[in-house]
Amino acid sequence: MLDAGTAPVLLVSAGIGVTPVLAMLHQLADSGSTRRAWWLHTSHDATTFVFAEEAARLVAALPSARSQVYLTAGTDPLPSGAVAGRVTAELIAGLGVPPETVAYVCGPAAFMDQMTAALADAGISPANIHTERFGSRAAINPGVVRADLPPAHQPPGPAGTGPAVTFARTGLTVRWSDDYPSLLELAEACDVPTQWSCRTGVCHTCVTDVLSGRTSYTTQPLERPGPDETLLCCSRADADVVLDL
């Protein structure tokens, strides 16, 4: 919830973390606020930033607001008001925000950790830095969902000819096929229990331990997970792989 004070406001989000801070932007616009405000958002590309026009309209209604949208894919042509890249500590340091600024940060866990440190380094009191996890978890147990799924099985249709994909908890090994856009969709075809939310490499809900082997990304995620983890929703098997599912 946005505070009711008059101090400057900094709204920083990434991916689907835009939702809570967009509500705060609405609150500022609806109240006709004259508070200084910064709106900074990072998304993968124009198609994943679904609130772009709404956010731009709200910022335009605020007399003392500034906005910048960053797209990590960096594909041309960039939409109006967007630049290639992402919100960084250097960018935060260059904003020149006064120390009494109240900051609200929402996005993947790694993003929020980086932004919290950057805001503190920029002189904002830690007491004025608020974070909210939205569709992102620092640690989850993939596979501990839905008790009503049928037993895991080989996917329908012709068997794949690619690397072996082993779902360790399930005890199932299948061959990768390029018919599946991602490991998530292969798991779903086998009724292997998974967790997911955005399906675009943004929220990290589908982060899964890679027990052995190698995966690669068909779409670069907003933030990469750890070295022995993969995001099922946007990765594929490049070699025999064992997943903690």
C-alpha atoms as a PDB file:
ATOM      1  CA  MET A   1       0.000   0.000   0.000  1.00  0.00           C
ATOM      2  CA  LEU A   2       1.336   3.412  -1.006  1.00  0.00           C
ATOM      3  CA  ASP A   3       2.039   5.653   1.969  1.00  0.00           C
ATOM      4  CA  ALA A   4      -0.035   8.794   2.413  1.00  0.00           C
ATOM      5  CA  GLY A   5       2.893  11.183   2.821  1.00  0.00           C
ATOM      6  CA  THR A   6       4.294  13.829   0.502  1.00  0.00           C
ATOM      7  CA  ALA A   7       7.820  12.451   0.038  1.00  0.00           C
ATOM      8  CA  PRO A   8       9.016  11.564  -3.473  1.00  0.00           C
ATOM      9  CA  VAL A   9       8.050   8.089  -4.683  1.00  0.00           C
ATOM     10  CA  LEU A  10      10.162   5.621  -6.643  1.00  0.00           C
ATOM     11  CA  LEU A  11       8.329   2.653  -8.220  1.00  0.00           C
ATOM     12  CA  VAL A  12      10.665  -0.065  -9.508  1.00  0.00           C
ATOM     13  CA  SER A  13       9.458  -3.335 -11.006  1.00  0.00           C
ATOM     14  CA  ALA A  14      10.423  -6.205 -13.251  1.00  0.00           C
ATOM     15  CA  GLY A  15       8.244  -8.679 -15.112  1.00  0.00           C
ATOM     16  CA  ILE A  16       4.904  -9.465 -13.504  1.00  0.00           C
ATOM     17  CA  GLY A  17       6.090  -7.526 -10.458  1.00  0.00           C
ATOM     18  CA  VAL A  18       4.571  -4.571 -12.295  1.00  0.00           C
ATOM     19  CA  THR A  19       1.105  -5.357 -10.920  1.00  0.00           C
ATOM     20  CA  PRO A  20       1.424  -4.068  -7.316  1.00  0.00           C
ATOM     21  CA  VAL A  21       3.358  -0.940  -8.285  1.00  0.00           C
ATOM     22  CA  LEU A  22       0.937  -0.211 -11.118  1.00  0.00           C
ATOM     23  CA  ALA A  23      -1.804  -0.075  -8.474  1.00  0.00           C
ATOM     24  CA  MET A  24       0.292   2.529  -6.621  1.00  0.00           C
ATOM     25  CA  LEU A  25       0.697   4.520  -9.829  1.00  0.00           C
ATOM     26  CA  HIS A  26      -3.088   4.467 -10.186  1.00  0.00           C
ATOM     27  CA  GLN A  27      -3.388   5.733  -6.617  1.00  0.00           C
ATOM     28  CA  LEU A  28      -1.095   8.680  -7.366  1.00  0.00           C
ATOM     29  CA  ALA A  29      -2.952   9.566 -10.562  1.00  0.00           C
ATOM     30  CA  ASP A  30      -6.418   9.164  -9.045  1.00  0.00           C
ATOM     31  CA  SER A  31      -5.542  11.516  -6.187  1.00  0.00           C
ATOM     32  CA  GLY A  32      -4.027  14.136  -8.502  1.00  0.00           C
ATOM     33  CA  SER A  33      -0.766  13.850  -6.597  1.00  0.00           C
ATOM     34  CA  THR A  34       1.966  16.436  -7.127  1.00  0.00           C
ATOM     35  CA  ARG A  35       4.616  14.244  -5.456  1.00  0.00           C
ATOM     36  CA  ARG A  36       7.801  13.709  -7.402  1.00  0.00           C
ATOM     37  CA  ALA A  37       7.618  10.200  -8.812  1.00  0.00           C
ATOM     38  CA  TRP A  38       9.808   7.860 -10.815  1.00  0.00           C
ATOM     39  CA  TRP A  39       8.419   4.836 -12.677  1.00  0.00           C
ATOM     40  CA  LEU A  40      11.073   2.296 -13.701  1.00  0.00           C
ATOM     41  CA  HIS A  41      10.141  -1.046 -15.215  1.00  0.00           C
ATOM     42  CA  THR A  42      12.100  -3.894 -16.792  1.00  0.00           C
ATOM     43  CA  SER A  43      10.479  -6.464 -19.072  1.00  0.00           C
ATOM     44  CA  HIS A  44      11.714  -8.971 -21.620  1.00  0.00           C
ATOM     45  CA  ASP A  45      10.135  -7.325 -24.673  1.00  0.00           C
ATOM     46  CA  ALA A  46       7.150  -5.236 -25.705  1.00  0.00           C
ATOM     47  CA  THR A  47       4.829  -8.259 -25.779  1.00  0.00           C
ATOM     48  CA  THR A  48       5.535  -9.140 -22.135  1.00  0.00           C
ATOM     49  CA  PHE A  49       4.899  -5.613 -20.849  1.00  0.00           C
ATOM     50  CA  VAL A  50       1.143  -5.809 -21.101  1.00  0.00           C
ATOM     51  CA  PHE A  51       0.441  -2.612 -19.138  1.00  0.00           C
ATOM     52  CA  ALA A  52       2.657  -0.312 -21.217  1.00  0.00           C
ATOM     53  CA  GLU A  53      -0.073   2.017 -22.505  1.00  0.00           C
ATOM     54  CA  GLU A  54      -1.845   2.134 -19.156  1.00  0.00           C
ATOM     55  CA  ALA A  55       1.353   3.026 -17.298  1.00  0.00           C
ATOM     56  CA  ALA A  56       2.284   5.682 -19.863  1.00  0.00           C
ATOM     57  CA  ARG A  57      -1.153   7.276 -19.534  1.00  0.00           C
ATOM     58  CA  LEU A  58      -0.929   7.376 -15.743  1.00  0.00           C
ATOM     59  CA  VAL A  59       2.579   8.858 -15.742  1.00  0.00           C
ATOM     60  CA  ALA A  60       1.463  11.519 -18.221  1.00  0.00           C
ATOM     61  CA  ALA A  61      -1.323  12.518 -15.815  1.00  0.00           C
ATOM     62  CA  LEU A  62       1.166  13.253 -13.030  1.00  0.00           C
ATOM     63  CA  PRO A  63       2.847  16.682 -13.245  1.00  0.00           C
ATOM     64  CA  SER A  64       6.049  15.630 -11.465  1.00  0.00           C
ATOM     65  CA  ALA A  65       6.547  12.070 -12.717  1.00  0.00           C
ATOM     66  CA  ARG A  66       9.269  10.538 -14.863  1.00  0.00           C
ATOM     67  CA  SER A  67       9.159   7.169 -16.571  1.00  0.00           C
ATOM     68  CA  GLN A  68      11.560   4.730 -18.163  1.00  0.00           C
ATOM     69  CA  VAL A  69      10.879   1.232 -19.488  1.00  0.00           C
ATOM     70  CA  TYR A  70      13.727  -1.195 -20.173  1.00  0.00           C
ATOM     71  CA  LEU A  71      13.445  -4.211 -22.476  1.00  0.00           C
ATOM     72  CA  THR A  72      16.114  -6.861 -21.969  1.00  0.00           C
ATOM     73  CA  ALA A  73      15.616  -8.489 -25.389  1.00  0.00           C
ATOM     74  CA  GLY A  74      16.672  -5.211 -27.021  1.00  0.00           C
ATOM     75  CA  THR A  75      15.040  -6.072 -30.355  1.00  0.00           C
ATOM     76  CA  ASP A  76      14.472  -3.317 -32.900  1.00  0.00           C
ATOM     77  CA  PRO A  77      12.360  -1.406 -33.411  1.00  0.00           C
ATOM     78  CA  LEU A  78      11.912  -0.507 -29.758  1.00  0.00           C
ATOM     79  CA  PRO A  79       8.494   0.889 -28.838  1.00  0.00           C
ATOM     80  CA  SER A  80       8.235   4.553 -27.939  1.00  0.00           C
ATOM     81  CA  GLY A  81       9.434   5.274 -24.415  1.00  0.00           C
ATOM     82  CA  ALA A  82      11.505   2.079 -24.109  1.00  0.00           C
ATOM     83  CA  VAL A  83      15.232   1.467 -24.245  1.00  0.00           C
ATOM     84  CA  ALA A  84      17.281  -1.703 -24.479  1.00  0.00           C
ATOM     85  CA  GLY A  85      18.730  -3.049 -21.238  1.00  0.00           C
ATOM     86  CA  ARG A  86      17.544  -3.263 -17.660  1.00  0.00           C
ATOM     87  CA  VAL A  87      17.375  -1.222 -14.457  1.00  0.00           C
ATOM     88  CA  THR A  88      20.846  -1.320 -12.900  1.00  0.00           C
ATOM     89  CA  ALA A  89      22.554  -0.047  -9.767  1.00  0.00           C
ATOM     90  CA  GLU A  90      24.363   2.535 -11.914  1.00  0.00           C
ATOM     91  CA  LEU A  91      21.066   3.854 -13.253  1.00  0.00           C
ATOM     92  CA  ILE A  92      19.615   4.096  -9.733  1.00  0.00           C
ATOM     93  CA  ALA A  93      22.699   5.992  -8.587  1.00  0.00           C
ATOM     94  CA  GLY A  94      22.318   8.439 -11.475  1.00  0.00           C
ATOM     95  CA  LEU A  95      18.692   9.337 -10.757  1.00  0.00           C
ATOM     96  CA  GLY A  96      19.606  11.805  -8.056  1.00  0.00           C
ATOM     97  CA  VAL A  97      16.681  10.829  -5.855  1.00  0.00           C
ATOM     98  CA  PRO A  98      16.580  12.675  -2.516  1.00  0.00           C
ATOM     99  CA  PRO A  99      17.252  10.616   0.627  1.00  0.00           C
ATOM    100  CA  GLU A 100      13.671  10.994   1.890  1.00  0.00           C
ATOM    101  CA  THR A 101      12.332   9.151  -1.185  1.00  0.00           C
ATOM    102  CA  VAL A 102      10.024   6.207  -0.481  1.00  0.00           C
ATOM    103  CA  ALA A 103      10.783   3.284  -2.797  1.00  0.00           C
ATOM    104  CA  TYR A 104       8.615   0.314  -3.713  1.00  0.00           C
ATOM    105  CA  VAL A 105      10.250  -2.642  -5.476  1.00  0.00           C
ATOM    106  CA  CYS A 106       8.589  -5.757  -6.892  1.00  0.00           C
ATOM    107  CA  GLY A 107       9.905  -8.516  -9.144  1.00  0.00           C
ATOM    108  CA  PRO A 108      12.048 -11.667  -9.067  1.00  0.00           C
ATOM    109  CA  ALA A 109      13.957 -12.255  -5.830  1.00  0.00           C
ATOM    110  CA  ALA A 110      17.394 -11.577  -7.335  1.00  0.00           C
ATOM    111  CA  PHE A 111      16.126  -8.342  -8.903  1.00  0.00           C
ATOM    112  CA  MET A 112      14.696  -7.116  -5.597  1.00  0.00           C
ATOM    113  CA  ASP A 113      17.909  -7.928  -3.757  1.00  0.00           C
ATOM    114  CA  GLN A 114      19.942  -5.948  -6.305  1.00  0.00           C
ATOM    115  CA  MET A 115      17.574  -2.997  -6.282  1.00  0.00           C
ATOM    116  CA  THR A 116      17.367  -2.869  -2.484  1.00  0.00           C
ATOM    117  CA  ALA A 117      21.158  -2.677  -2.261  1.00  0.00           C
ATOM    118  CA  ALA A 118      21.316  -0.079  -5.051  1.00  0.00           C
ATOM    119  CA  LEU A 119      18.670   2.120  -3.413  1.00  0.00           C
ATOM    120  CA  ALA A 120      20.460   1.994  -0.065  1.00  0.00           C
ATOM    121  CA  ASP A 121      23.740   2.885  -1.802  1.00  0.00           C
ATOM    122  CA  ALA A 122      21.917   5.829  -3.426  1.00  0.00           C
ATOM    123  CA  GLY A 123      21.192   7.226   0.038  1.00  0.00           C
ATOM    124  CA  ILE A 124      17.622   6.063   0.609  1.00  0.00           C
ATOM    125  CA  SER A 125      16.981   4.892   4.150  1.00  0.00           C
ATOM    126  CA  PRO A 126      16.364   1.117   4.367  1.00  0.00           C
ATOM    127  CA  ALA A 127      13.213   1.952   6.336  1.00  0.00           C
ATOM    128  CA  ASN A 128      11.881   3.678   3.193  1.00  0.00           C
ATOM    129  CA  ILE A 129      12.569   0.730   0.856  1.00  0.00           C
ATOM    130  CA  HIS A 130       9.604  -1.625   0.553  1.00  0.00           C
ATOM    131  CA  THR A 131       9.637  -4.897  -1.382  1.00  0.00           C
ATOM    132  CA  GLU A 132       6.948  -7.366  -2.323  1.00  0.00           C
ATOM    133  CA  ARG A 133       7.316 -10.786  -3.874  1.00  0.00           C
ATOM    134  CA  PHE A 134       4.839 -11.348  -6.674  1.00  0.00           C
ATOM    135  CA  GLY A 135       4.899 -14.729  -8.401  1.00  0.00           C
ATOM    136  CA  SER A 136       8.510 -15.232  -7.351  1.00  0.00           C
ATOM    137  CA  ARG A 137       9.952 -17.461  -4.652  1.00  0.00           C
ATOM    138  CA  ALA A 138      13.488 -17.806  -3.405  1.00  0.00           C
ATOM    139  CA  ALA A 139      13.040 -21.558  -2.987  1.00  0.00           C
ATOM    140  CA  ILE A 140      10.265 -23.929  -4.021  1.00  0.00           C
ATOM    141  CA  ASN A 141       9.748 -27.660  -4.266  1.00  0.00           C
ATOM    142  CA  PRO A 142       8.838 -28.284  -7.904  1.00  0.00           C
ATOM    143  CA  GLY A 143       6.579 -31.275  -8.225  1.00  0.00           C
ATOM    144  CA  VAL A 144       4.742 -30.858  -4.911  1.00  0.00           C
ATOM    145  CA  VAL A 145       1.486 -29.777  -6.519  1.00  0.00           C
ATOM    146  CA  ARG A 146      -1.824 -31.294  -7.645  1.00  0.00           C
ATOM    147  CA  ALA A 147      -2.596 -34.637  -6.112  1.00  0.00           C
ATOM    148  CA  ASP A 148      -5.195 -35.383  -8.805  1.00  0.00           C
ATOM    149  CA  LEU A 149      -2.778 -35.849 -11.711  1.00  0.00           C
ATOM    150  CA  PRO A 150      -2.696 -39.299 -13.363  1.00  0.00           C
ATOM    151  CA  PRO A 151       0.516 -41.318 -13.069  1.00  0.00           C
ATOM    152  CA  ALA A 152       3.361 -39.864 -15.111  1.00  0.00           C
ATOM    153  CA  HIS A 153       3.801 -41.466 -18.517  1.00  0.00           C
ATOM    154  CA  GLN A 154       5.587 -41.186 -21.822  1.00  0.00           C
ATOM    155  CA  PRO A 155       4.291 -38.245 -23.905  1.00  0.00           C
ATOM    156  CA  PRO A 156       1.711 -38.976 -26.602  1.00  0.00           C
ATOM    157  CA  GLY A 157       2.767 -39.421 -30.204  1.00  0.00           C
ATOM    158  CA  PRO A 158       6.034 -40.623 -31.693  1.00  0.00           C
ATOM    159  CA  ALA A 159       8.961 -40.892 -29.286  1.00  0.00           C
ATOM    160  CA  GLY A 160      11.552 -38.128 -29.440  1.00  0.00           C
ATOM    161  CA  THR A 161      15.068 -38.747 -30.681  1.00  0.00           C
ATOM    162  CA  GLY A 162      16.878 -36.092 -28.651  1.00  0.00           C
ATOM    163  CA  PRO A 163      18.695 -36.202 -25.313  1.00  0.00           C
ATOM    164  CA  ALA A 164      17.241 -38.183 -22.431  1.00  0.00           C
ATOM    165  CA  VAL A 165      15.238 -36.081 -19.971  1.00  0.00           C
ATOM    166  CA  THR A 166      14.875 -37.740 -16.578  1.00  0.00           C
ATOM    167  CA  PHE A 167      12.342 -36.514 -14.034  1.00  0.00           C
ATOM    168  CA  ALA A 168      14.117 -37.805 -10.936  1.00  0.00           C
ATOM    169  CA  ARG A 169      11.311 -37.606  -8.376  1.00  0.00           C
ATOM    170  CA  THR A 170       8.824 -39.101 -10.793  1.00  0.00           C
ATOM    171  CA  GLY A 171      11.118 -41.899 -11.962  1.00  0.00           C
ATOM    172  CA  LEU A 172      10.413 -41.227 -15.636  1.00  0.00           C
ATOM    173  CA  THR A 173      12.874 -40.840 -18.500  1.00  0.00           C
ATOM    174  CA  VAL A 174      11.764 -39.599 -21.921  1.00  0.00           C
ATOM    175  CA  ARG A 175      13.532 -38.489 -25.053  1.00  0.00           C
ATOM    176  CA  TRP A 176      13.547 -34.802 -25.889  1.00  0.00           C
ATOM    177  CA  SER A 177      11.630 -33.775 -28.999  1.00  0.00           C
ATOM    178  CA  ASP A 178      11.677 -30.389 -30.720  1.00  0.00           C
ATOM    179  CA  ASP A 179       7.901 -30.713 -30.943  1.00  0.00           C
ATOM    180  CA  TYR A 180       7.893 -29.247 -27.418  1.00  0.00           C
ATOM    181  CA  PRO A 181       8.754 -25.544 -27.085  1.00  0.00           C
ATOM    182  CA  SER A 182      10.101 -26.044 -23.559  1.00  0.00           C
ATOM    183  CA  LEU A 183      10.866 -28.531 -20.816  1.00  0.00           C
ATOM    184  CA  LEU A 184       7.728 -27.305 -19.053  1.00  0.00           C
ATOM    185  CA  GLU A 185       5.534 -28.371 -21.951  1.00  0.00           C
ATOM    186  CA  LEU A 186       7.295 -31.739 -22.129  1.00  0.00           C
ATOM    187  CA  ALA A 187       6.672 -32.247 -18.402  1.00  0.00           C
ATOM    188  CA  GLU A 188       3.016 -31.308 -18.836  1.00  0.00           C
ATOM    189  CA  ALA A 189       2.652 -33.759 -21.729  1.00  0.00           C
ATOM    190  CA  CYS A 190       3.911 -36.484 -19.375  1.00  0.00           C
ATOM    191  CA  ASP A 191       1.694 -35.349 -16.467  1.00  0.00           C
ATOM    192  CA  VAL A 192       4.806 -34.673 -14.392  1.00  0.00           C
ATOM    193  CA  PRO A 193       3.781 -32.232 -11.609  1.00  0.00           C
ATOM    194  CA  THR A 194       5.301 -28.769 -12.066  1.00  0.00           C
ATOM    195  CA  GLN A 195       4.857 -25.227 -10.819  1.00  0.00           C
ATOM    196  CA  TRP A 196       4.692 -22.289 -13.200  1.00  0.00           C
ATOM    197  CA  SER A 197       3.099 -18.883 -13.604  1.00  0.00           C
ATOM    198  CA  CYS A 198       4.265 -16.553 -16.376  1.00  0.00           C
ATOM    199  CA  ARG A 199       5.632 -19.056 -18.951  1.00  0.00           C
ATOM    200  CA  THR A 200       7.958 -16.326 -20.287  1.00  0.00           C
ATOM    201  CA  GLY A 201      11.050 -16.563 -18.072  1.00  0.00           C
ATOM    202  CA  VAL A 202       9.994 -13.715 -15.813  1.00  0.00           C
ATOM    203  CA  CYS A 203       8.508 -14.934 -12.536  1.00  0.00           C
ATOM    204  CA  HIS A 204      10.879 -17.835 -11.641  1.00  0.00           C
ATOM    205  CA  THR A 205       8.026 -19.942 -10.267  1.00  0.00           C
ATOM    206  CA  CYS A 206       9.176 -22.872 -12.435  1.00  0.00           C
ATOM    207  CA  VAL A 207      12.829 -22.759 -11.310  1.00  0.00           C
ATOM    208  CA  THR A 208      14.033 -26.352 -10.981  1.00  0.00           C
ATOM    209  CA  ASP A 209      17.292 -27.951  -9.860  1.00  0.00           C
ATOM    210  CA  VAL A 210      19.361 -29.575 -12.604  1.00  0.00           C
ATOM    211  CA  LEU A 211      20.880 -32.642 -10.953  1.00  0.00           C
ATOM    212  CA  SER A 212      23.039 -33.430 -13.979  1.00  0.00           C
ATOM    213  CA  GLY A 213      23.270 -32.498 -17.624  1.00  0.00           C
ATOM    214  CA  ARG A 214      22.768 -29.252 -19.476  1.00  0.00           C
ATOM    215  CA  THR A 215      19.919 -27.065 -20.695  1.00  0.00           C
ATOM    216  CA  SER A 216      19.785 -23.918 -22.797  1.00  0.00           C
ATOM    217  CA  TYR A 217      17.265 -21.115 -23.096  1.00  0.00           C
ATOM    218  CA  THR A 218      15.028 -20.700 -26.116  1.00  0.00           C
ATOM    219  CA  THR A 219      14.021 -17.303 -24.693  1.00  0.00           C
ATOM    220  CA  GLN A 220      16.443 -15.472 -22.441  1.00  0.00           C
ATOM    221  CA  PRO A 221      14.905 -15.093 -18.969  1.00  0.00           C
ATOM    222  CA  LEU A 222      14.585 -11.743 -17.277  1.00  0.00           C
ATOM    223  CA  GLU A 223      16.979 -12.939 -14.556  1.00  0.00           C
ATOM    224  CA  ARG A 224      18.963 -16.157 -14.806  1.00  0.00           C
ATOM    225  CA  PRO A 225      18.574 -18.621 -11.937  1.00  0.00           C
ATOM    226  CA  GLY A 226      21.508 -20.271 -10.169  1.00  0.00           C
ATOM    227  CA  PRO A 227      24.195 -22.278 -12.001  1.00  0.00           C
ATOM    228  CA  ASP A 228      22.557 -25.640 -11.210  1.00  0.00           C
ATOM    229  CA  GLU A 229      19.004 -24.506 -11.902  1.00  0.00           C
ATOM    230  CA  THR A 230      16.874 -23.940 -14.963  1.00  0.00           C
ATOM    231  CA  LEU A 231      13.604 -22.210 -15.769  1.00  0.00           C
ATOM    232  CA  LEU A 232      11.451 -24.942 -17.279  1.00  0.00           C
ATOM    233  CA  CYS A 233       9.183 -22.551 -19.154  1.00  0.00           C
ATOM    234  CA  CYS A 234      11.865 -21.277 -21.528  1.00  0.00           C
ATOM    235  CA  SER A 235      14.562 -23.973 -21.601  1.00  0.00           C
ATOM    236  CA  ARG A 236      15.267 -27.135 -23.567  1.00  0.00           C
ATOM    237  CA  ALA A 237      17.550 -30.153 -23.193  1.00  0.00           C
ATOM    238  CA  ASP A 238      20.883 -29.827 -24.997  1.00  0.00           C
ATOM    239  CA  ALA A 239      22.255 -33.074 -23.556  1.00  0.00           C
ATOM    240  CA  ASP A 240      21.008 -35.845 -21.289  1.00  0.00           C
ATOM    241  CA  VAL A 241      19.597 -34.038 -18.258  1.00  0.00           C
ATOM    242  CA  VAL A 242      18.227 -35.062 -14.861  1.00  0.00           C
ATOM    243  CA  LEU A 243      15.694 -32.670 -13.315  1.00  0.00           C
ATOM    244  CA  ASP A 244      14.528 -32.544  -9.715  1.00  0.00           C
ATOM    245  CA  LEU A 245      10.925 -33.188 -10.654  1.00  0.00           C
END
